[in-house]
Amino acid sequence: MKKSVIMIGILLIGGILTLSCDKTEDSLDEILNEGKMIIAMDSNYPPQSYLNNQGDAEGFDVDVAKEVCQRLGVTAEIVFPAWDAVTGGGWNEAWDISIGSMSATEERAENLRFTDPYYYTAASFAAHQDDSLITAVSHLVGKTIGVADASTYEAYFYNELTFIGGEIKYDPPPNATLVVYDVDLQALQALAQGGGVVLDAVLSAKPTIQNAIDAGLPLKHIGNPAFYEPLVFALDGDRGATDKLLTRLNEIVADMHTDSTLIELSIKWYGVDLTSPENDSYGQFI
C-alpha cells in the first residue's frame, strides 16, 4: 500500500513536470502580462529616432512604436543599444523588439525574425554642396566614403548585401576607402566639414540625408539611389516562442497600412509617403 502511494506520487510529480516542460509561453503572452514592450532603436538617427532637447525620444520610429504598443494595449519603453548588438541577435531579453528601420537581409535572418515591411526607403550618396568635382556616382571611384557601422550601406561596399525583398540598382564605386561611424549622422557631420577634408561622400538613407540638409548641413544628393530596401520590425531568434507575437505584429502592420496610419506618420516625418515600394516619392529628393 505504501509502495503504491509512493508510485502514484512519483507519477503525479512527473506529470506536473511534463506539463510544465511542454507549456512554452509565447513572447506575446509575456509582454501582455508585463504590460509593456521594450523597444530598441537608435538615439541619433533623425528623423527615424533621436533625442530632443528635453531628452525625450522623437521620430518616425518612435511614433510607430507607440502606436504598435497602443494597439497591443501595453506601454512602450524605448531603449538605445548599439546597432550591432541589435542586428547580431542574442538579446537575452534586454529588449523585446527592434523598431528601428531595419532592413531584412539573409545574414540578419540567421539571428533574427522579421515582420512584413512597414515602409521602404532608398540608399543614396551625398557629397558636400560646394564640391564641384563630385556631381555623379561615377565621380566616387577611389574616393573616401563614410557609412554607418553594421549597416546595409557597409555590407553593400563589401558585396555582402543579400536582401530579402530589396533591390540593388548598381555596384558600389570601385576602389573606395570606407570610413565607418557609429551612426549615419556622424558620417554626415564629417562630410559637412568640406569635400575631401575628412570624407568625399556618404552613403545613407535618402530621407536621412534630406533631413540633414533641412537641418542646415551643406550637403547635396548625388545621382539615383544605389538600392531600395524594405524596412521591418525584428525579433530575437534566440528568444524562444515568438510565433504568436510575430503574427500579431504582422496584423498590426497590415492594419496600420490599411487605415493609413503609416502614410500619415511617413508624411509627418519625411514629407512624402514611403509606405509602398510602388510609390516613387524618392524622386523628390534628387
C-alpha atoms as a PDB file:
ATOM      1  CA  MET A   1       0.000   0.000   0.000  1.00  0.00           C
ATOM      2  CA  LYS A   2       2.760   2.417   0.989  1.00  0.00           C
ATOM      3  CA  LYS A   3       4.715   1.478  -2.137  1.00  0.00           C
ATOM      4  CA  SER A   4       1.657   2.153  -4.293  1.00  0.00           C
ATOM      5  CA  VAL A   5       1.172   5.612  -2.759  1.00  0.00           C
ATOM      6  CA  ILE A   6       4.813   6.454  -3.417  1.00  0.00           C
ATOM      7  CA  MET A   7       4.495   5.336  -7.035  1.00  0.00           C
ATOM      8  CA  ILE A   8       1.327   7.392  -7.521  1.00  0.00           C
ATOM      9  CA  GLY A   9       3.101  10.416  -6.062  1.00  0.00           C
ATOM     10  CA  ILE A  10       6.040   9.971  -8.416  1.00  0.00           C
ATOM     11  CA  LEU A  11       3.679   9.686 -11.369  1.00  0.00           C
ATOM     12  CA  LEU A  12       1.816  12.850 -10.328  1.00  0.00           C
ATOM     13  CA  ILE A  13       5.023  14.816  -9.922  1.00  0.00           C
ATOM     14  CA  GLY A  14       6.284  13.522 -13.255  1.00  0.00           C
ATOM     15  CA  GLY A  15       3.057  14.574 -14.916  1.00  0.00           C
ATOM     16  CA  ILE A  16       3.289  18.058 -13.449  1.00  0.00           C
ATOM     17  CA  LEU A  17       6.884  18.399 -14.602  1.00  0.00           C
ATOM     18  CA  THR A  18       5.947  17.168 -18.056  1.00  0.00           C
ATOM     19  CA  LEU A  19       3.144  19.715 -18.301  1.00  0.00           C
ATOM     20  CA  SER A  20       5.493  22.462 -17.161  1.00  0.00           C
ATOM     21  CA  CYS A  21       8.093  21.485 -19.727  1.00  0.00           C
ATOM     22  CA  ASP A  22       5.545  21.207 -22.541  1.00  0.00           C
ATOM     23  CA  LYS A  23       3.981  24.579 -21.768  1.00  0.00           C
ATOM     24  CA  THR A  24       6.015  27.245 -23.541  1.00  0.00           C
ATOM     25  CA  GLU A  25       4.684  30.749 -23.095  1.00  0.00           C
ATOM     26  CA  ASP A  26       4.906  32.881 -26.225  1.00  0.00           C
ATOM     27  CA  SER A  27       6.672  36.232 -26.023  1.00  0.00           C
ATOM     28  CA  LEU A  28       3.338  37.893 -26.769  1.00  0.00           C
ATOM     29  CA  ASP A  29       1.874  36.472 -23.552  1.00  0.00           C
ATOM     30  CA  GLU A  30       4.924  37.611 -21.603  1.00  0.00           C
ATOM     31  CA  ILE A  31       4.636  41.152 -22.965  1.00  0.00           C
ATOM     32  CA  LEU A  32       0.894  41.340 -22.312  1.00  0.00           C
ATOM     33  CA  ASN A  33       1.353  40.015 -18.782  1.00  0.00           C
ATOM     34  CA  GLU A  34       4.130  42.520 -18.141  1.00  0.00           C
ATOM     35  CA  GLY A  35       2.018  45.354 -19.559  1.00  0.00           C
ATOM     36  CA  LYS A  36       4.887  46.878 -21.528  1.00  0.00           C
ATOM     37  CA  MET A  37       7.061  46.224 -24.553  1.00  0.00           C
ATOM     38  CA  ILE A  38      10.751  47.194 -24.537  1.00  0.00           C
ATOM     39  CA  ILE A  39      11.718  48.570 -27.951  1.00  0.00           C
ATOM     40  CA  ALA A  40      15.249  49.023 -29.292  1.00  0.00           C
ATOM     41  CA  MET A  41      16.094  51.842 -31.689  1.00  0.00           C
ATOM     42  CA  ASP A  42      18.803  54.422 -32.409  1.00  0.00           C
ATOM     43  CA  SER A  43      19.103  57.584 -30.295  1.00  0.00           C
ATOM     44  CA  ASN A  44      20.874  59.543 -33.053  1.00  0.00           C
ATOM     45  CA  TYR A  45      19.157  58.696 -36.338  1.00  0.00           C
ATOM     46  CA  PRO A  46      16.846  61.594 -37.238  1.00  0.00           C
ATOM     47  CA  PRO A  47      14.155  61.690 -38.466  1.00  0.00           C
ATOM     48  CA  GLN A  48      13.689  57.986 -37.673  1.00  0.00           C
ATOM     49  CA  SER A  49      14.594  58.290 -33.984  1.00  0.00           C
ATOM     50  CA  TYR A  50      16.528  60.754 -31.846  1.00  0.00           C
ATOM     51  CA  LEU A  51      16.526  62.551 -28.503  1.00  0.00           C
ATOM     52  CA  ASN A  52      15.109  66.087 -28.442  1.00  0.00           C
ATOM     53  CA  ASN A  53      16.421  68.955 -26.304  1.00  0.00           C
ATOM     54  CA  GLN A  54      14.400  67.688 -23.354  1.00  0.00           C
ATOM     55  CA  GLY A  55      15.959  64.238 -23.664  1.00  0.00           C
ATOM     56  CA  ASP A  56      12.752  62.628 -24.935  1.00  0.00           C
ATOM     57  CA  ALA A  57      12.670  60.215 -27.865  1.00  0.00           C
ATOM     58  CA  GLU A  58      11.121  61.560 -31.060  1.00  0.00           C
ATOM     59  CA  GLY A  59      10.874  60.494 -34.692  1.00  0.00           C
ATOM     60  CA  PHE A  60       9.051  58.286 -37.149  1.00  0.00           C
ATOM     61  CA  ASP A  61      10.045  55.017 -35.496  1.00  0.00           C
ATOM     62  CA  VAL A  62       9.170  56.399 -32.070  1.00  0.00           C
ATOM     63  CA  ASP A  63       5.652  57.243 -33.226  1.00  0.00           C
ATOM     64  CA  VAL A  64       5.309  53.860 -34.944  1.00  0.00           C
ATOM     65  CA  ALA A  65       6.455  52.052 -31.792  1.00  0.00           C
ATOM     66  CA  LYS A  66       3.998  53.949 -29.591  1.00  0.00           C
ATOM     67  CA  GLU A  67       1.150  53.185 -31.993  1.00  0.00           C
ATOM     68  CA  VAL A  68       2.018  49.487 -32.047  1.00  0.00           C
ATOM     69  CA  CYS A  69       2.046  49.392 -28.249  1.00  0.00           C
ATOM     70  CA  GLN A  70      -1.276  51.205 -28.067  1.00  0.00           C
ATOM     71  CA  ARG A  71      -2.826  48.583 -30.339  1.00  0.00           C
ATOM     72  CA  LEU A  72      -1.315  45.838 -28.206  1.00  0.00           C
ATOM     73  CA  GLY A  73      -2.666  47.503 -25.067  1.00  0.00           C
ATOM     74  CA  VAL A  74       0.749  47.911 -23.425  1.00  0.00           C
ATOM     75  CA  THR A  75       3.083  50.807 -22.665  1.00  0.00           C
ATOM     76  CA  ALA A  76       6.190  51.495 -24.729  1.00  0.00           C
ATOM     77  CA  GLU A  77       9.632  51.530 -23.130  1.00  0.00           C
ATOM     78  CA  ILE A  78      12.318  52.701 -25.558  1.00  0.00           C
ATOM     79  CA  VAL A  79      15.993  51.766 -25.165  1.00  0.00           C
ATOM     80  CA  PHE A  80      19.049  52.623 -27.250  1.00  0.00           C
ATOM     81  CA  PRO A  81      21.523  49.725 -27.533  1.00  0.00           C
ATOM     82  CA  ALA A  82      24.384  49.702 -30.044  1.00  0.00           C
ATOM     83  CA  TRP A  83      23.169  48.879 -33.538  1.00  0.00           C
ATOM     84  CA  ASP A  84      25.498  45.903 -33.968  1.00  0.00           C
ATOM     85  CA  ALA A  85      24.098  44.452 -30.734  1.00  0.00           C
ATOM     86  CA  VAL A  86      20.605  44.681 -32.225  1.00  0.00           C
ATOM     87  CA  THR A  87      21.441  43.164 -35.615  1.00  0.00           C
ATOM     88  CA  GLY A  88      23.545  40.405 -34.050  1.00  0.00           C
ATOM     89  CA  GLY A  89      20.671  38.858 -32.046  1.00  0.00           C
ATOM     90  CA  GLY A  90      21.180  37.133 -28.707  1.00  0.00           C
ATOM     91  CA  TRP A  91      19.470  39.960 -26.818  1.00  0.00           C
ATOM     92  CA  ASN A  92      18.971  37.946 -23.602  1.00  0.00           C
ATOM     93  CA  GLU A  93      15.542  39.619 -23.262  1.00  0.00           C
ATOM     94  CA  ALA A  94      17.163  43.016 -22.599  1.00  0.00           C
ATOM     95  CA  TRP A  95      14.555  44.292 -25.077  1.00  0.00           C
ATOM     96  CA  ASP A  96      11.608  42.662 -26.824  1.00  0.00           C
ATOM     97  CA  ILE A  97      11.715  44.069 -30.349  1.00  0.00           C
ATOM     98  CA  SER A  98      13.595  46.330 -32.713  1.00  0.00           C
ATOM     99  CA  ILE A  99      11.511  49.041 -34.360  1.00  0.00           C
ATOM    100  CA  GLY A 100      14.427  50.866 -35.892  1.00  0.00           C
ATOM    101  CA  SER A 101      14.111  50.975 -39.686  1.00  0.00           C
ATOM    102  CA  MET A 102      15.978  47.689 -40.073  1.00  0.00           C
ATOM    103  CA  SER A 103      16.484  46.118 -43.483  1.00  0.00           C
ATOM    104  CA  ALA A 104      15.758  42.416 -43.760  1.00  0.00           C
ATOM    105  CA  THR A 105      18.847  40.577 -45.004  1.00  0.00           C
ATOM    106  CA  GLU A 106      19.743  36.911 -45.232  1.00  0.00           C
ATOM    107  CA  GLU A 107      22.663  37.402 -42.868  1.00  0.00           C
ATOM    108  CA  ARG A 108      20.487  39.015 -40.190  1.00  0.00           C
ATOM    109  CA  ALA A 109      17.831  36.338 -40.675  1.00  0.00           C
ATOM    110  CA  GLU A 110      20.281  33.829 -39.176  1.00  0.00           C
ATOM    111  CA  ASN A 111      19.764  35.516 -35.792  1.00  0.00           C
ATOM    112  CA  LEU A 112      16.506  37.458 -36.110  1.00  0.00           C
ATOM    113  CA  ARG A 113      12.879  37.067 -37.179  1.00  0.00           C
ATOM    114  CA  PHE A 114      11.236  39.765 -39.290  1.00  0.00           C
ATOM    115  CA  THR A 115       7.763  41.189 -39.721  1.00  0.00           C
ATOM    116  CA  ASP A 116       6.324  42.289 -43.025  1.00  0.00           C
ATOM    117  CA  PRO A 117       7.693  45.680 -44.188  1.00  0.00           C
ATOM    118  CA  TYR A 118       6.184  48.764 -42.611  1.00  0.00           C
ATOM    119  CA  TYR A 119       7.841  51.172 -45.051  1.00  0.00           C
ATOM    120  CA  TYR A 120      10.512  51.394 -47.739  1.00  0.00           C
ATOM    121  CA  THR A 121      13.472  53.647 -48.336  1.00  0.00           C
ATOM    122  CA  ALA A 122      16.286  54.276 -50.780  1.00  0.00           C
ATOM    123  CA  ALA A 123      20.010  54.281 -50.095  1.00  0.00           C
ATOM    124  CA  SER A 124      21.795  57.143 -51.801  1.00  0.00           C
ATOM    125  CA  PHE A 125      25.057  59.053 -51.899  1.00  0.00           C
ATOM    126  CA  ALA A 126      25.630  62.560 -50.597  1.00  0.00           C
ATOM    127  CA  ALA A 127      28.532  64.943 -51.199  1.00  0.00           C
ATOM    128  CA  HIS A 128      29.383  68.411 -49.923  1.00  0.00           C
ATOM    129  CA  GLN A 129      27.247  71.019 -51.665  1.00  0.00           C
ATOM    130  CA  ASP A 130      30.310  73.054 -52.730  1.00  0.00           C
ATOM    131  CA  ASP A 131      32.198  70.092 -54.193  1.00  0.00           C
ATOM    132  CA  SER A 132      32.039  70.785 -57.930  1.00  0.00           C
ATOM    133  CA  LEU A 133      34.178  67.733 -58.711  1.00  0.00           C
ATOM    134  CA  ILE A 134      31.564  65.278 -57.424  1.00  0.00           C
ATOM    135  CA  THR A 135      28.264  65.575 -59.217  1.00  0.00           C
ATOM    136  CA  ALA A 136      27.637  61.931 -60.160  1.00  0.00           C
ATOM    137  CA  VAL A 137      28.193  58.487 -58.676  1.00  0.00           C
ATOM    138  CA  SER A 138      30.849  57.831 -61.335  1.00  0.00           C
ATOM    139  CA  HIS A 139      32.956  60.551 -59.696  1.00  0.00           C
ATOM    140  CA  LEU A 140      33.239  58.485 -56.483  1.00  0.00           C
ATOM    141  CA  VAL A 141      35.745  55.976 -57.877  1.00  0.00           C
ATOM    142  CA  GLY A 142      38.654  55.754 -55.446  1.00  0.00           C
ATOM    143  CA  LYS A 143      37.103  58.285 -53.058  1.00  0.00           C
ATOM    144  CA  THR A 144      36.726  58.186 -49.269  1.00  0.00           C
ATOM    145  CA  ILE A 145      33.153  57.363 -48.291  1.00  0.00           C
ATOM    146  CA  GLY A 146      31.513  57.290 -44.869  1.00  0.00           C
ATOM    147  CA  VAL A 147      28.993  54.650 -43.771  1.00  0.00           C
ATOM    148  CA  ALA A 148      27.372  53.528 -40.524  1.00  0.00           C
ATOM    149  CA  ASP A 149      28.712  50.507 -38.684  1.00  0.00           C
ATOM    150  CA  ALA A 150      26.898  47.169 -39.171  1.00  0.00           C
ATOM    151  CA  SER A 151      24.622  48.809 -41.752  1.00  0.00           C
ATOM    152  CA  THR A 152      23.389  47.667 -45.146  1.00  0.00           C
ATOM    153  CA  TYR A 153      25.475  50.524 -46.574  1.00  0.00           C
ATOM    154  CA  GLU A 154      28.670  48.951 -45.234  1.00  0.00           C
ATOM    155  CA  ALA A 155      27.632  45.485 -46.475  1.00  0.00           C
ATOM    156  CA  TYR A 156      26.902  46.955 -49.922  1.00  0.00           C
ATOM    157  CA  PHE A 157      30.518  48.066 -50.333  1.00  0.00           C
ATOM    158  CA  TYR A 158      31.808  44.643 -49.340  1.00  0.00           C
ATOM    159  CA  ASN A 159      29.383  42.974 -51.790  1.00  0.00           C
ATOM    160  CA  GLU A 160      27.816  41.174 -48.836  1.00  0.00           C
ATOM    161  CA  LEU A 161      24.349  42.700 -49.078  1.00  0.00           C
ATOM    162  CA  THR A 162      21.794  39.917 -49.510  1.00  0.00           C
ATOM    163  CA  PHE A 163      18.349  41.463 -49.324  1.00  0.00           C
ATOM    164  CA  ILE A 164      15.081  39.772 -48.545  1.00  0.00           C
ATOM    165  CA  GLY A 165      12.840  41.690 -50.912  1.00  0.00           C
ATOM    166  CA  GLY A 166      15.195  44.608 -51.686  1.00  0.00           C
ATOM    167  CA  GLU A 167      16.747  45.661 -54.973  1.00  0.00           C
ATOM    168  CA  ILE A 168      20.312  46.747 -55.754  1.00  0.00           C
ATOM    169  CA  LYS A 169      20.430  49.138 -58.721  1.00  0.00           C
ATOM    170  CA  TYR A 170      24.170  49.302 -59.378  1.00  0.00           C
ATOM    171  CA  ASP A 171      27.517  48.166 -57.971  1.00  0.00           C
ATOM    172  CA  PRO A 172      29.426  50.306 -55.453  1.00  0.00           C
ATOM    173  CA  PRO A 173      32.083  52.719 -56.751  1.00  0.00           C
ATOM    174  CA  PRO A 174      35.306  50.714 -57.123  1.00  0.00           C
ATOM    175  CA  ASN A 175      38.443  51.264 -55.056  1.00  0.00           C
ATOM    176  CA  ALA A 176      36.612  53.347 -52.471  1.00  0.00           C
ATOM    177  CA  THR A 177      38.081  53.770 -48.986  1.00  0.00           C
ATOM    178  CA  LEU A 178      35.453  53.266 -46.285  1.00  0.00           C
ATOM    179  CA  VAL A 179      35.336  55.185 -43.016  1.00  0.00           C
ATOM    180  CA  VAL A 180      32.912  53.545 -40.586  1.00  0.00           C
ATOM    181  CA  TYR A 181      30.978  55.576 -37.998  1.00  0.00           C
ATOM    182  CA  ASP A 182      28.756  54.510 -35.117  1.00  0.00           C
ATOM    183  CA  VAL A 183      25.731  56.209 -36.718  1.00  0.00           C
ATOM    184  CA  ASP A 184      24.880  57.861 -40.046  1.00  0.00           C
ATOM    185  CA  LEU A 185      24.631  61.364 -38.626  1.00  0.00           C
ATOM    186  CA  GLN A 186      28.280  61.281 -37.538  1.00  0.00           C
ATOM    187  CA  ALA A 187      29.309  60.492 -41.114  1.00  0.00           C
ATOM    188  CA  LEU A 188      27.137  63.293 -42.498  1.00  0.00           C
ATOM    189  CA  GLN A 189      28.563  65.767 -39.993  1.00  0.00           C
ATOM    190  CA  ALA A 190      32.092  64.761 -41.017  1.00  0.00           C
ATOM    191  CA  LEU A 191      31.212  65.312 -44.679  1.00  0.00           C
ATOM    192  CA  ALA A 192      29.769  68.735 -43.826  1.00  0.00           C
ATOM    193  CA  GLN A 193      33.287  69.915 -42.883  1.00  0.00           C
ATOM    194  CA  GLY A 194      34.027  70.119 -46.601  1.00  0.00           C
ATOM    195  CA  GLY A 195      34.543  67.887 -49.592  1.00  0.00           C
ATOM    196  CA  GLY A 196      37.757  65.908 -49.154  1.00  0.00           C
ATOM    197  CA  VAL A 197      38.503  67.290 -45.683  1.00  0.00           C
ATOM    198  CA  VAL A 198      37.504  64.047 -43.975  1.00  0.00           C
ATOM    199  CA  LEU A 199      35.201  62.396 -46.498  1.00  0.00           C
ATOM    200  CA  ASP A 200      34.313  62.787 -50.145  1.00  0.00           C
ATOM    201  CA  ALA A 201      30.841  61.284 -49.795  1.00  0.00           C
ATOM    202  CA  VAL A 202      28.432  59.376 -47.541  1.00  0.00           C
ATOM    203  CA  LEU A 203      26.082  56.514 -48.331  1.00  0.00           C
ATOM    204  CA  SER A 204      22.932  56.605 -46.213  1.00  0.00           C
ATOM    205  CA  ALA A 205      19.146  56.527 -46.378  1.00  0.00           C
ATOM    206  CA  LYS A 206      17.851  59.252 -48.682  1.00  0.00           C
ATOM    207  CA  PRO A 207      15.416  60.617 -46.056  1.00  0.00           C
ATOM    208  CA  THR A 208      18.260  60.786 -43.517  1.00  0.00           C
ATOM    209  CA  ILE A 209      20.369  62.799 -45.952  1.00  0.00           C
ATOM    210  CA  GLN A 210      17.437  65.072 -46.714  1.00  0.00           C
ATOM    211  CA  ASN A 211      16.776  65.591 -43.016  1.00  0.00           C
ATOM    212  CA  ALA A 212      20.423  66.640 -42.537  1.00  0.00           C
ATOM    213  CA  ILE A 213      20.111  69.094 -45.430  1.00  0.00           C
ATOM    214  CA  ASP A 214      16.886  70.510 -43.983  1.00  0.00           C
ATOM    215  CA  ALA A 215      18.689  70.916 -40.652  1.00  0.00           C
ATOM    216  CA  GLY A 216      21.321  73.082 -42.319  1.00  0.00           C
ATOM    217  CA  LEU A 217      24.177  70.749 -43.234  1.00  0.00           C
ATOM    218  CA  PRO A 218      25.777  71.867 -46.565  1.00  0.00           C
ATOM    219  CA  LEU A 219      25.199  68.623 -48.465  1.00  0.00           C
ATOM    220  CA  LYS A 220      23.692  67.514 -51.770  1.00  0.00           C
ATOM    221  CA  HIS A 221      22.285  64.282 -53.162  1.00  0.00           C
ATOM    222  CA  ILE A 222      24.328  62.504 -55.824  1.00  0.00           C
ATOM    223  CA  GLY A 223      22.636  60.560 -58.608  1.00  0.00           C
ATOM    224  CA  ASN A 224      19.922  57.949 -58.249  1.00  0.00           C
ATOM    225  CA  PRO A 225      19.534  55.516 -55.313  1.00  0.00           C
ATOM    226  CA  ALA A 226      22.049  52.685 -55.121  1.00  0.00           C
ATOM    227  CA  PHE A 227      19.432  50.326 -53.743  1.00  0.00           C
ATOM    228  CA  TYR A 228      15.918  50.165 -52.340  1.00  0.00           C
ATOM    229  CA  GLU A 229      15.165  48.310 -49.137  1.00  0.00           C
ATOM    230  CA  PRO A 230      12.049  47.176 -47.263  1.00  0.00           C
ATOM    231  CA  LEU A 231      12.206  48.051 -43.568  1.00  0.00           C
ATOM    232  CA  VAL A 232      10.867  45.735 -40.871  1.00  0.00           C
ATOM    233  CA  PHE A 233      10.469  45.096 -37.152  1.00  0.00           C
ATOM    234  CA  ALA A 234      12.822  42.438 -35.793  1.00  0.00           C
ATOM    235  CA  LEU A 235      12.568  39.833 -33.024  1.00  0.00           C
ATOM    236  CA  ASP A 236      15.395  37.887 -31.405  1.00  0.00           C
ATOM    237  CA  GLY A 237      15.699  34.422 -32.928  1.00  0.00           C
ATOM    238  CA  ASP A 238      17.005  33.105 -29.601  1.00  0.00           C
ATOM    239  CA  ARG A 239      14.036  34.383 -27.583  1.00  0.00           C
ATOM    240  CA  GLY A 240      12.074  31.138 -27.678  1.00  0.00           C
ATOM    241  CA  ALA A 241       8.424  31.046 -28.736  1.00  0.00           C
ATOM    242  CA  THR A 242       7.602  34.133 -30.805  1.00  0.00           C
ATOM    243  CA  ASP A 243       5.081  32.822 -33.351  1.00  0.00           C
ATOM    244  CA  LYS A 244       2.078  34.495 -31.700  1.00  0.00           C
ATOM    245  CA  LEU A 245       3.967  37.763 -31.286  1.00  0.00           C
ATOM    246  CA  LEU A 246       5.117  37.779 -34.915  1.00  0.00           C
ATOM    247  CA  THR A 247       1.593  37.019 -36.140  1.00  0.00           C
ATOM    248  CA  ARG A 248       0.073  39.784 -34.009  1.00  0.00           C
ATOM    249  CA  LEU A 249       2.701  42.309 -35.125  1.00  0.00           C
ATOM    250  CA  ASN A 250       2.037  41.487 -38.779  1.00  0.00           C
ATOM    251  CA  GLU A 251      -1.687  42.021 -38.157  1.00  0.00           C
ATOM    252  CA  ILE A 252      -0.940  45.421 -36.636  1.00  0.00           C
ATOM    253  CA  VAL A 253       1.379  46.393 -39.503  1.00  0.00           C
ATOM    254  CA  ALA A 254      -1.305  45.393 -42.022  1.00  0.00           C
ATOM    255  CA  ASP A 255      -3.945  47.402 -40.147  1.00  0.00           C
ATOM    256  CA  MET A 256      -1.670  50.459 -39.986  1.00  0.00           C
ATOM    257  CA  HIS A 257      -1.167  50.231 -43.746  1.00  0.00           C
ATOM    258  CA  THR A 258      -4.900  49.804 -44.373  1.00  0.00           C
ATOM    259  CA  ASP A 259      -6.087  52.662 -42.160  1.00  0.00           C
ATOM    260  CA  SER A 260      -3.335  54.997 -43.494  1.00  0.00           C
ATOM    261  CA  THR A 261      -1.658  55.456 -40.099  1.00  0.00           C
ATOM    262  CA  LEU A 262       1.740  54.647 -41.598  1.00  0.00           C
ATOM    263  CA  ILE A 263       1.130  57.012 -44.522  1.00  0.00           C
ATOM    264  CA  GLU A 264       0.268  59.833 -42.113  1.00  0.00           C
ATOM    265  CA  LEU A 265       3.367  59.205 -39.999  1.00  0.00           C
ATOM    266  CA  SER A 266       5.563  58.991 -43.107  1.00  0.00           C
ATOM    267  CA  ILE A 267       4.287  62.328 -44.392  1.00  0.00           C
ATOM    268  CA  LYS A 268       4.664  63.849 -40.918  1.00  0.00           C
ATOM    269  CA  TRP A 269       8.334  62.900 -40.603  1.00  0.00           C
ATOM    270  CA  TYR A 270       9.555  62.599 -44.205  1.00  0.00           C
ATOM    271  CA  GLY A 271       7.208  64.857 -46.121  1.00  0.00           C
ATOM    272  CA  VAL A 272       6.436  62.002 -48.548  1.00  0.00           C
ATOM    273  CA  ASP A 273       4.685  58.637 -48.496  1.00  0.00           C
ATOM    274  CA  LEU A 274       7.336  55.921 -48.182  1.00  0.00           C
ATOM    275  CA  THR A 275       4.963  53.108 -47.267  1.00  0.00           C
ATOM    276  CA  SER A 276       4.784  51.454 -50.689  1.00  0.00           C
ATOM    277  CA  PRO A 277       7.592  50.260 -52.986  1.00  0.00           C
ATOM    278  CA  GLU A 278       5.497  51.332 -55.974  1.00  0.00           C
ATOM    279  CA  ASN A 279       5.296  54.921 -54.741  1.00  0.00           C
ATOM    280  CA  ASP A 280       8.288  56.633 -56.307  1.00  0.00           C
ATOM    281  CA  SER A 281       8.449  59.546 -53.883  1.00  0.00           C
ATOM    282  CA  TYR A 282      12.227  59.320 -53.835  1.00  0.00           C
ATOM    283  CA  GLY A 283      12.447  61.483 -56.943  1.00  0.00           C
ATOM    284  CA  GLN A 284      11.532  64.481 -54.804  1.00  0.00           C
ATOM    285  CA  PHE A 285      14.915  64.161 -53.091  1.00  0.00           C
ATOM    286  CA  ILE A 286      17.043  64.068 -56.267  1.00  0.00           C
END
